[in-house]
């Protein structure tokens, strides 16, 4: 498992159901994972930690056989024999496009109204990793996308009487065509 946050700890704990051992490779000494998730992982005898290491390469032809690692303190290279690689890093919402246009929380997640996908801008809907800080899985993003499509379809039906803007601008972000 590559990563140091809650997702990495959660996935590593899940993998212990199937693997004889799970190694968490993290680039720093300190983890971003919550104390409770880190404690759960540390108290699981199947999980070991390799801190201060980054992955340089994945080895194997038809299947994964190992990882080439670099120690971030010493620069030394090592090979770790593994039969699988799971990556749980970089869960940040990519909301730069809508920053300043719709409401975001301090971490950059789009704020939606209740359990809908409606945002602070009427007619704009958000789904997937832009709003989901808990599950961050493809299947939940797909379900959220479906909900956004339904919300958008209903919004369009309710607003069918409003004439389209024909001044040559993109109504979402005001960019000229």
N, C-alpha and C. Protein backbone atom coordinates (compact mmCIF):
# COMPACT_ATOMS: atom_id res chain seq x y z
N UNK A 1 0.85 -1.17 0.00
CA UNK A 1 0.00 0.00 0.00
C UNK A 1 0.90 1.23 0.00
N UNK A 2 0.63 2.14 -0.92
CA UNK A 2 1.40 3.38 -0.99
C UNK A 2 0.50 4.51 -0.52
N UNK A 3 0.92 5.21 0.52
CA UNK A 3 0.15 6.33 1.03
C UNK A 3 0.28 6.46 2.53
N UNK A 4 -0.25 7.56 3.07
CA UNK A 4 -0.12 7.79 4.50
C UNK A 4 -1.36 8.39 5.14
N UNK A 5 -2.46 8.41 4.42
CA UNK A 5 -3.69 8.98 4.95
C UNK A 5 -4.68 7.91 5.38
N UNK A 6 -5.87 8.36 5.74
CA UNK A 6 -6.91 7.43 6.18
C UNK A 6 -7.24 6.38 5.13
N UNK A 7 -7.27 6.79 3.86
CA UNK A 7 -7.59 5.83 2.79
C UNK A 7 -6.56 4.71 2.74
N UNK A 8 -5.29 5.05 2.88
CA UNK A 8 -4.24 4.04 2.86
C UNK A 8 -4.38 3.07 4.03
N UNK A 9 -4.66 3.61 5.22
CA UNK A 9 -4.82 2.75 6.40
C UNK A 9 -6.05 1.84 6.24
N UNK A 10 -7.15 2.42 5.77
CA UNK A 10 -8.38 1.65 5.60
C UNK A 10 -8.18 0.54 4.58
N UNK A 11 -7.56 0.86 3.45
CA UNK A 11 -7.33 -0.16 2.42
C UNK A 11 -6.35 -1.22 2.89
N UNK A 12 -5.31 -0.81 3.62
CA UNK A 12 -4.34 -1.77 4.14
C UNK A 12 -5.02 -2.74 5.11
N UNK A 13 -5.85 -2.20 5.98
CA UNK A 13 -6.58 -3.07 6.92
C UNK A 13 -7.48 -4.04 6.16
N UNK A 14 -8.13 -3.58 5.11
CA UNK A 14 -8.97 -4.45 4.30
C UNK A 14 -8.14 -5.56 3.66
N UNK A 15 -6.97 -5.21 3.13
CA UNK A 15 -6.13 -6.19 2.45
C UNK A 15 -5.63 -7.29 3.38
N UNK A 16 -5.56 -7.01 4.68
CA UNK A 16 -5.10 -8.05 5.61
C UNK A 16 -6.03 -9.26 5.64
N UNK A 17 -7.23 -9.11 5.13
CA UNK A 17 -8.16 -10.25 5.05
C UNK A 17 -7.70 -11.27 4.02
N UNK A 18 -6.89 -10.81 3.06
CA UNK A 18 -6.51 -11.66 1.93
C UNK A 18 -5.01 -11.92 1.82
N UNK A 19 -4.19 -11.04 2.37
CA UNK A 19 -2.74 -11.13 2.21
C UNK A 19 -2.07 -11.63 3.48
N UNK A 20 -0.95 -12.35 3.30
CA UNK A 20 -0.17 -12.79 4.46
C UNK A 20 0.49 -11.60 5.15
N UNK A 21 0.87 -10.59 4.34
CA UNK A 21 1.46 -9.38 4.91
C UNK A 21 1.13 -8.20 4.01
N UNK A 22 1.04 -7.03 4.62
CA UNK A 22 0.78 -5.78 3.91
C UNK A 22 1.83 -4.78 4.39
N UNK A 23 2.52 -4.16 3.44
CA UNK A 23 3.50 -3.13 3.78
C UNK A 23 2.97 -1.78 3.32
N UNK A 24 2.94 -0.83 4.23
CA UNK A 24 2.56 0.54 3.89
C UNK A 24 3.83 1.33 3.65
N UNK A 25 3.99 1.82 2.42
CA UNK A 25 5.15 2.64 2.05
C UNK A 25 4.70 4.09 2.06
N UNK A 26 5.42 4.91 2.86
CA UNK A 26 5.04 6.32 2.98
C UNK A 26 6.29 7.19 2.86
N UNK A 27 6.15 8.32 2.21
CA UNK A 27 7.30 9.19 1.90
C UNK A 27 7.83 9.97 3.10
N UNK A 28 7.06 10.07 4.15
CA UNK A 28 7.48 10.82 5.34
C UNK A 28 7.45 9.93 6.57
N UNK A 29 7.99 10.46 7.67
CA UNK A 29 7.93 9.76 8.95
C UNK A 29 6.53 9.87 9.56
N UNK A 30 5.93 11.05 9.42
CA UNK A 30 4.61 11.32 9.99
C UNK A 30 3.53 10.99 8.97
N UNK A 31 2.38 10.59 9.48
CA UNK A 31 1.25 10.23 8.63
C UNK A 31 0.16 11.29 8.71
N UNK A 32 -0.62 11.40 7.65
CA UNK A 32 -1.78 12.30 7.66
C UNK A 32 -3.03 11.59 8.16
N UNK A 33 -2.94 10.31 8.31
CA UNK A 33 -4.08 9.51 8.77
C UNK A 33 -4.50 9.96 10.17
N UNK A 34 -5.77 9.81 10.46
CA UNK A 34 -6.26 10.12 11.79
C UNK A 34 -5.64 9.16 12.79
N UNK A 35 -5.58 9.57 14.04
CA UNK A 35 -4.97 8.75 15.09
C UNK A 35 -5.64 7.39 15.18
N UNK A 36 -6.95 7.36 15.10
CA UNK A 36 -7.67 6.08 15.24
C UNK A 36 -7.33 5.13 14.09
N UNK A 37 -7.25 5.64 12.86
CA UNK A 37 -6.93 4.77 11.72
C UNK A 37 -5.48 4.29 11.80
N UNK A 38 -4.58 5.19 12.18
CA UNK A 38 -3.17 4.81 12.30
C UNK A 38 -2.99 3.78 13.41
N UNK A 39 -3.66 3.98 14.54
CA UNK A 39 -3.58 3.01 15.64
C UNK A 39 -4.10 1.64 15.21
N UNK A 40 -5.20 1.62 14.47
CA UNK A 40 -5.74 0.34 14.00
C UNK A 40 -4.71 -0.39 13.12
N UNK A 41 -4.08 0.36 12.23
CA UNK A 41 -3.09 -0.26 11.34
C UNK A 41 -1.86 -0.71 12.13
N UNK A 42 -1.41 0.11 13.06
CA UNK A 42 -0.21 -0.24 13.85
C UNK A 42 -0.45 -1.44 14.75
N UNK A 43 -1.67 -1.66 15.17
CA UNK A 43 -1.98 -2.78 16.05
C UNK A 43 -2.33 -4.06 15.29
N UNK A 44 -2.25 -4.02 13.98
CA UNK A 44 -2.52 -5.20 13.16
C UNK A 44 -1.18 -5.86 12.84
N UNK A 45 -0.99 -7.08 13.31
CA UNK A 45 0.29 -7.78 13.15
C UNK A 45 0.64 -8.07 11.70
N UNK A 46 -0.33 -8.01 10.81
CA UNK A 46 -0.09 -8.30 9.39
C UNK A 46 0.49 -7.10 8.65
N UNK A 47 0.38 -5.91 9.24
CA UNK A 47 0.83 -4.68 8.58
C UNK A 47 2.19 -4.25 9.11
N UNK A 48 3.09 -3.92 8.17
CA UNK A 48 4.36 -3.31 8.56
C UNK A 48 4.51 -2.00 7.81
N UNK A 49 5.37 -1.13 8.28
CA UNK A 49 5.50 0.22 7.74
C UNK A 49 6.91 0.45 7.22
N UNK A 50 7.01 1.11 6.08
CA UNK A 50 8.28 1.60 5.54
C UNK A 50 8.11 3.10 5.33
N UNK A 51 8.52 3.86 6.34
CA UNK A 51 8.40 5.31 6.24
C UNK A 51 9.65 5.88 5.59
N UNK A 52 9.55 7.12 5.16
CA UNK A 52 10.65 7.83 4.51
C UNK A 52 11.14 7.11 3.26
N UNK A 53 10.21 6.55 2.50
CA UNK A 53 10.53 5.88 1.25
C UNK A 53 9.55 6.31 0.16
N UNK A 54 10.06 6.43 -1.06
CA UNK A 54 9.21 6.71 -2.21
C UNK A 54 9.43 5.61 -3.24
N UNK A 55 8.40 5.35 -4.03
CA UNK A 55 8.48 4.32 -5.07
C UNK A 55 9.08 4.93 -6.33
N UNK A 56 10.12 4.30 -6.84
CA UNK A 56 10.75 4.73 -8.09
C UNK A 56 10.27 3.92 -9.28
N UNK A 57 10.00 2.63 -9.06
CA UNK A 57 9.60 1.76 -10.17
C UNK A 57 8.85 0.55 -9.63
N UNK A 58 8.01 0.00 -10.50
CA UNK A 58 7.32 -1.26 -10.22
C UNK A 58 7.96 -2.31 -11.11
N UNK A 59 8.38 -3.43 -10.53
CA UNK A 59 9.04 -4.50 -11.28
C UNK A 59 8.06 -5.63 -11.58
N UNK A 60 8.32 -6.31 -12.71
CA UNK A 60 7.52 -7.46 -13.10
C UNK A 60 7.16 -7.39 -14.57
N UNK A 61 6.99 -8.56 -15.18
CA UNK A 61 6.62 -8.62 -16.59
C UNK A 61 5.12 -8.86 -16.76
N UNK A 62 4.67 -10.03 -16.37
CA UNK A 62 3.24 -10.33 -16.49
C UNK A 62 2.50 -10.15 -15.17
N UNK A 63 3.24 -9.95 -14.10
CA UNK A 63 2.65 -9.66 -12.79
C UNK A 63 3.67 -8.87 -11.98
N UNK A 64 3.19 -8.19 -10.97
CA UNK A 64 4.07 -7.39 -10.12
C UNK A 64 4.92 -8.32 -9.27
N UNK A 65 6.23 -8.03 -9.23
CA UNK A 65 7.14 -8.83 -8.40
C UNK A 65 7.87 -8.00 -7.35
N UNK A 66 7.92 -6.69 -7.54
CA UNK A 66 8.63 -5.88 -6.56
C UNK A 66 8.53 -4.39 -6.83
N UNK A 67 8.99 -3.63 -5.86
CA UNK A 67 9.05 -2.17 -5.96
C UNK A 67 10.47 -1.70 -5.75
N UNK A 68 10.91 -0.79 -6.57
CA UNK A 68 12.20 -0.12 -6.36
C UNK A 68 11.90 1.11 -5.51
N UNK A 69 12.53 1.19 -4.33
CA UNK A 69 12.27 2.28 -3.40
C UNK A 69 13.53 3.12 -3.19
N UNK A 70 13.30 4.38 -2.82
CA UNK A 70 14.41 5.27 -2.44
C UNK A 70 14.12 5.82 -1.06
N UNK A 71 15.10 5.71 -0.18
CA UNK A 71 14.99 6.28 1.16
C UNK A 71 15.12 7.80 1.02
N UNK A 72 14.12 8.55 1.49
CA UNK A 72 14.12 10.01 1.32
C UNK A 72 15.14 10.71 2.21
N UNK A 73 15.66 10.02 3.21
CA UNK A 73 16.69 10.62 4.08
C UNK A 73 18.08 10.37 3.56
N UNK A 74 18.36 9.13 3.15
CA UNK A 74 19.72 8.76 2.77
C UNK A 74 19.94 8.68 1.26
N UNK A 75 18.86 8.55 0.51
CA UNK A 75 18.97 8.39 -0.94
C UNK A 75 19.24 6.96 -1.37
N UNK A 76 19.40 6.04 -0.41
CA UNK A 76 19.69 4.64 -0.72
C UNK A 76 18.50 4.00 -1.43
N UNK A 77 18.83 3.12 -2.39
CA UNK A 77 17.81 2.40 -3.15
C UNK A 77 17.69 0.98 -2.61
N UNK A 78 16.46 0.49 -2.51
CA UNK A 78 16.21 -0.89 -2.09
C UNK A 78 15.09 -1.46 -2.95
N UNK A 79 15.02 -2.78 -2.98
CA UNK A 79 13.93 -3.46 -3.67
C UNK A 79 13.09 -4.18 -2.63
N UNK A 80 11.79 -3.99 -2.73
CA UNK A 80 10.84 -4.65 -1.83
C UNK A 80 10.05 -5.66 -2.66
N UNK A 81 10.14 -6.94 -2.30
CA UNK A 81 9.39 -7.97 -3.01
C UNK A 81 7.91 -7.85 -2.63
N UNK A 82 7.06 -7.71 -3.64
CA UNK A 82 5.61 -7.62 -3.43
C UNK A 82 4.90 -8.34 -4.57
N UNK A 83 3.66 -8.73 -4.33
CA UNK A 83 2.88 -9.38 -5.39
C UNK A 83 1.74 -8.49 -5.87
N UNK A 84 1.62 -7.31 -5.28
CA UNK A 84 0.59 -6.37 -5.69
C UNK A 84 0.90 -4.98 -5.18
N UNK A 85 0.35 -3.98 -5.84
CA UNK A 85 0.55 -2.59 -5.45
C UNK A 85 -0.80 -1.89 -5.43
N UNK A 86 -1.08 -1.22 -4.35
CA UNK A 86 -2.30 -0.44 -4.21
C UNK A 86 -1.89 0.98 -3.84
N UNK A 87 -2.44 1.95 -4.53
CA UNK A 87 -2.06 3.34 -4.32
C UNK A 87 -3.23 4.11 -3.72
N UNK A 88 -2.96 4.78 -2.61
CA UNK A 88 -3.99 5.59 -1.93
C UNK A 88 -3.36 6.93 -1.55
N UNK A 89 -3.07 7.72 -2.58
CA UNK A 89 -2.44 9.03 -2.34
C UNK A 89 -3.16 10.10 -3.15
N UNK A 90 -3.03 11.32 -2.70
CA UNK A 90 -3.48 12.46 -3.50
C UNK A 90 -4.96 12.67 -3.60
N UNK A 91 -5.69 12.40 -2.55
CA UNK A 91 -7.14 12.64 -2.59
C UNK A 91 -7.43 14.10 -2.33
N UNK A 92 -7.33 14.90 -3.35
CA UNK A 92 -7.68 16.31 -3.25
C UNK A 92 -8.72 16.60 -4.32
N UNK A 93 -9.75 17.32 -3.96
CA UNK A 93 -10.75 17.65 -4.99
C UNK A 93 -10.15 18.60 -6.02
N UNK A 94 -10.36 18.34 -7.27
CA UNK A 94 -9.84 19.20 -8.34
C UNK A 94 -10.89 20.26 -8.67
N UNK A 95 -11.04 21.22 -7.78
CA UNK A 95 -12.12 22.20 -7.89
C UNK A 95 -11.65 23.58 -8.34
N UNK A 96 -10.43 23.69 -8.88
CA UNK A 96 -9.91 24.99 -9.29
C UNK A 96 -10.81 25.69 -10.30
N UNK A 97 -11.42 24.94 -11.19
CA UNK A 97 -12.27 25.51 -12.24
C UNK A 97 -13.44 26.29 -11.67
N UNK A 98 -13.97 25.85 -10.55
CA UNK A 98 -15.17 26.49 -9.99
C UNK A 98 -14.88 27.35 -8.76
N UNK A 99 -13.63 27.46 -8.37
CA UNK A 99 -13.26 28.29 -7.21
C UNK A 99 -13.68 29.73 -7.49
N UNK A 100 -14.38 30.32 -6.55
CA UNK A 100 -14.86 31.69 -6.71
C UNK A 100 -16.18 31.79 -7.46
N UNK A 101 -16.67 30.68 -7.97
CA UNK A 101 -17.94 30.67 -8.71
C UNK A 101 -19.03 30.01 -7.87
N UNK A 102 -18.68 28.87 -7.27
CA UNK A 102 -19.62 28.20 -6.36
C UNK A 102 -18.93 28.03 -5.01
N UNK A 103 -19.73 27.77 -3.98
CA UNK A 103 -19.19 27.67 -2.62
C UNK A 103 -18.40 26.37 -2.44
N UNK A 104 -17.22 26.52 -1.83
CA UNK A 104 -16.35 25.39 -1.49
C UNK A 104 -16.10 25.41 0.01
N UNK A 105 -15.78 24.26 0.58
CA UNK A 105 -15.38 24.25 1.99
C UNK A 105 -13.89 24.60 2.06
N UNK A 106 -13.33 24.76 3.25
CA UNK A 106 -11.91 25.15 3.36
C UNK A 106 -10.93 24.19 2.69
N UNK A 107 -11.32 22.92 2.51
CA UNK A 107 -10.45 21.94 1.86
C UNK A 107 -10.63 21.87 0.35
N UNK A 108 -11.53 22.69 -0.20
CA UNK A 108 -11.74 22.72 -1.64
C UNK A 108 -12.85 21.82 -2.15
N UNK A 109 -13.57 21.15 -1.27
CA UNK A 109 -14.71 20.33 -1.70
C UNK A 109 -15.90 21.23 -1.99
N UNK A 110 -16.64 20.90 -3.04
CA UNK A 110 -17.82 21.67 -3.41
C UNK A 110 -18.92 21.40 -2.38
N UNK A 111 -19.53 22.47 -1.89
CA UNK A 111 -20.64 22.34 -0.95
C UNK A 111 -21.93 22.13 -1.73
N UNK A 112 -22.67 21.10 -1.35
CA UNK A 112 -23.96 20.82 -1.99
C UNK A 112 -25.06 20.97 -0.96
N UNK A 113 -26.28 21.10 -1.46
CA UNK A 113 -27.43 21.34 -0.60
C UNK A 113 -28.02 20.02 -0.12
N UNK A 114 -27.88 19.77 1.17
CA UNK A 114 -28.43 18.56 1.76
C UNK A 114 -27.88 17.30 1.11
N UNK A 115 -28.78 16.39 0.76
CA UNK A 115 -28.37 15.13 0.14
C UNK A 115 -28.49 15.18 -1.37
N UNK A 116 -28.61 16.40 -1.93
CA UNK A 116 -28.71 16.55 -3.38
C UNK A 116 -27.33 16.87 -3.94
N UNK A 117 -27.29 17.11 -5.25
CA UNK A 117 -26.05 17.53 -5.90
C UNK A 117 -26.10 19.00 -6.29
N UNK A 118 -27.15 19.72 -5.83
CA UNK A 118 -27.29 21.15 -6.11
C UNK A 118 -26.18 21.93 -5.40
N UNK A 119 -25.58 22.87 -6.11
CA UNK A 119 -24.54 23.73 -5.52
C UNK A 119 -25.14 25.09 -5.18
N UNK A 120 -24.28 26.01 -4.79
CA UNK A 120 -24.73 27.36 -4.44
C UNK A 120 -25.13 28.18 -5.66
N UNK A 121 -24.82 27.70 -6.86
CA UNK A 121 -25.19 28.40 -8.09
C UNK A 121 -26.32 27.61 -8.76
N UNK A 122 -27.47 28.25 -8.90
CA UNK A 122 -28.64 27.59 -9.45
C UNK A 122 -28.33 26.99 -10.82
N UNK A 123 -28.63 25.71 -10.99
CA UNK A 123 -28.40 25.04 -12.27
C UNK A 123 -27.04 24.39 -12.40
N UNK A 124 -26.22 24.47 -11.35
CA UNK A 124 -24.90 23.82 -11.36
C UNK A 124 -24.93 22.71 -10.32
N UNK A 125 -24.47 21.53 -10.73
CA UNK A 125 -24.53 20.34 -9.89
C UNK A 125 -23.12 19.77 -9.75
N UNK A 126 -22.83 19.17 -8.61
CA UNK A 126 -21.50 18.61 -8.37
C UNK A 126 -21.64 17.17 -7.88
N UNK A 127 -20.66 16.35 -8.26
CA UNK A 127 -20.70 14.93 -7.90
C UNK A 127 -19.29 14.38 -7.78
N UNK A 128 -19.21 13.14 -7.32
CA UNK A 128 -17.95 12.41 -7.28
C UNK A 128 -16.95 12.98 -6.29
N UNK A 129 -15.68 12.97 -6.70
CA UNK A 129 -14.61 13.39 -5.81
C UNK A 129 -14.65 14.87 -5.46
N UNK A 130 -15.44 15.65 -6.19
CA UNK A 130 -15.59 17.06 -5.84
C UNK A 130 -16.37 17.25 -4.54
N UNK A 131 -17.21 16.28 -4.20
CA UNK A 131 -18.04 16.42 -3.01
C UNK A 131 -17.81 15.33 -1.97
N UNK A 132 -17.21 14.22 -2.36
CA UNK A 132 -17.11 13.05 -1.49
C UNK A 132 -15.77 12.99 -0.77
N UNK A 133 -15.76 13.34 0.49
CA UNK A 133 -14.53 13.27 1.27
C UNK A 133 -14.46 11.97 2.08
N UNK A 134 -15.50 11.15 2.03
CA UNK A 134 -15.56 9.96 2.87
C UNK A 134 -15.15 8.69 2.12
N UNK A 135 -15.82 8.38 1.02
CA UNK A 135 -15.62 7.08 0.36
C UNK A 135 -14.57 7.14 -0.74
N UNK A 136 -14.63 8.12 -1.60
CA UNK A 136 -13.66 8.34 -2.68
C UNK A 136 -13.38 7.07 -3.48
N UNK A 137 -14.43 6.44 -3.92
CA UNK A 137 -14.33 5.24 -4.73
C UNK A 137 -15.01 5.48 -6.06
N UNK A 138 -14.56 4.79 -7.09
CA UNK A 138 -15.14 4.96 -8.42
C UNK A 138 -16.63 4.64 -8.42
N UNK A 139 -17.01 3.60 -7.71
CA UNK A 139 -18.42 3.19 -7.71
C UNK A 139 -19.30 4.24 -7.03
N UNK A 140 -18.82 4.88 -5.97
CA UNK A 140 -19.63 5.92 -5.33
C UNK A 140 -19.64 7.18 -6.18
N UNK A 141 -18.54 7.45 -6.87
CA UNK A 141 -18.51 8.61 -7.79
C UNK A 141 -19.51 8.40 -8.93
N UNK A 142 -19.59 7.16 -9.43
CA UNK A 142 -20.54 6.88 -10.51
C UNK A 142 -21.98 7.06 -10.02
N UNK A 143 -22.28 6.58 -8.84
CA UNK A 143 -23.61 6.77 -8.27
C UNK A 143 -23.93 8.23 -8.05
N UNK A 144 -22.95 8.97 -7.57
CA UNK A 144 -23.11 10.41 -7.36
C UNK A 144 -23.32 11.12 -8.70
N UNK A 145 -22.61 10.69 -9.72
CA UNK A 145 -22.79 11.26 -11.06
C UNK A 145 -24.18 11.00 -11.60
N UNK A 146 -24.70 9.82 -11.34
CA UNK A 146 -26.08 9.49 -11.74
C UNK A 146 -27.06 10.40 -11.02
N UNK A 147 -26.85 10.63 -9.73
CA UNK A 147 -27.72 11.52 -8.96
C UNK A 147 -27.66 12.94 -9.53
N UNK A 148 -26.47 13.39 -9.91
CA UNK A 148 -26.33 14.73 -10.50
C UNK A 148 -27.08 14.82 -11.82
N UNK A 149 -27.02 13.77 -12.62
CA UNK A 149 -27.75 13.76 -13.89
C UNK A 149 -29.26 13.85 -13.65
N UNK A 150 -29.74 13.13 -12.66
CA UNK A 150 -31.17 13.19 -12.33
C UNK A 150 -31.54 14.58 -11.81
N UNK A 151 -30.72 15.14 -10.92
CA UNK A 151 -30.98 16.49 -10.42
C UNK A 151 -30.98 17.51 -11.56
N UNK A 152 -30.03 17.37 -12.49
CA UNK A 152 -29.96 18.29 -13.63
C UNK A 152 -31.18 18.13 -14.54
N UNK A 153 -31.58 16.89 -14.78
CA UNK A 153 -32.76 16.64 -15.61
C UNK A 153 -34.01 17.28 -14.99
N UNK A 154 -34.16 17.11 -13.69
CA UNK A 154 -35.32 17.71 -13.00
C UNK A 154 -35.24 19.23 -13.03
N UNK A 155 -34.05 19.78 -12.85
CA UNK A 155 -33.87 21.24 -12.88
C UNK A 155 -34.24 21.77 -14.27
N UNK A 156 -33.79 21.10 -15.30
CA UNK A 156 -34.11 21.53 -16.67
C UNK A 156 -35.61 21.48 -16.92
N UNK A 157 -36.27 20.43 -16.43
CA UNK A 157 -37.72 20.33 -16.61
C UNK A 157 -38.45 21.47 -15.90
N UNK A 158 -37.96 21.83 -14.72
CA UNK A 158 -38.58 22.92 -13.96
C UNK A 158 -38.28 24.30 -14.55
N UNK A 159 -37.21 24.41 -15.31
CA UNK A 159 -36.79 25.71 -15.85
C UNK A 159 -36.91 25.77 -17.37
N UNK A 160 -37.75 24.94 -17.94
CA UNK A 160 -37.92 24.89 -19.40
C UNK A 160 -38.44 26.21 -19.96
N UNK A 161 -39.11 27.00 -19.16
CA UNK A 161 -39.70 28.26 -19.60
C UNK A 161 -38.67 29.39 -19.72
N UNK A 162 -37.46 29.19 -19.20
CA UNK A 162 -36.43 30.24 -19.24
C UNK A 162 -35.72 30.17 -20.59
N UNK A 163 -35.70 31.28 -21.36
CA UNK A 163 -35.02 31.25 -22.66
C UNK A 163 -33.50 31.11 -22.49
N UNK A 164 -32.89 30.45 -23.44
CA UNK A 164 -31.44 30.27 -23.41
C UNK A 164 -30.73 31.59 -23.61
N UNK A 165 -29.58 31.75 -22.96
CA UNK A 165 -28.75 32.95 -23.13
C UNK A 165 -28.05 32.83 -24.48
N UNK A 166 -28.22 33.82 -25.32
CA UNK A 166 -27.64 33.74 -26.67
C UNK A 166 -26.60 34.81 -26.92
N UNK A 167 -25.98 35.33 -25.86
CA UNK A 167 -25.00 36.41 -26.05
C UNK A 167 -23.59 35.90 -26.34
N UNK A 168 -23.43 34.60 -26.54
CA UNK A 168 -22.13 34.06 -26.91
C UNK A 168 -21.23 33.75 -25.74
N UNK A 169 -21.77 33.68 -24.54
CA UNK A 169 -20.93 33.34 -23.39
C UNK A 169 -21.33 32.00 -22.83
N UNK A 170 -20.39 31.37 -22.21
CA UNK A 170 -20.64 30.13 -21.50
C UNK A 170 -21.24 30.53 -20.15
N UNK A 171 -22.46 30.12 -19.88
CA UNK A 171 -23.15 30.60 -18.69
C UNK A 171 -22.56 30.06 -17.39
N UNK A 172 -21.79 28.97 -17.45
CA UNK A 172 -21.22 28.43 -16.22
C UNK A 172 -20.09 29.31 -15.70
N UNK A 173 -19.15 29.63 -16.56
CA UNK A 173 -17.99 30.36 -16.07
C UNK A 173 -17.79 31.70 -16.76
N UNK A 174 -18.68 32.06 -17.65
CA UNK A 174 -18.60 33.37 -18.29
C UNK A 174 -17.48 33.51 -19.30
N UNK A 175 -16.95 32.41 -19.79
CA UNK A 175 -15.86 32.46 -20.78
C UNK A 175 -16.42 32.72 -22.17
N UNK A 176 -15.77 33.56 -22.93
CA UNK A 176 -16.20 33.84 -24.30
C UNK A 176 -15.94 32.62 -25.17
N UNK A 177 -16.83 32.39 -26.11
CA UNK A 177 -16.65 31.26 -27.05
C UNK A 177 -15.74 31.65 -28.17
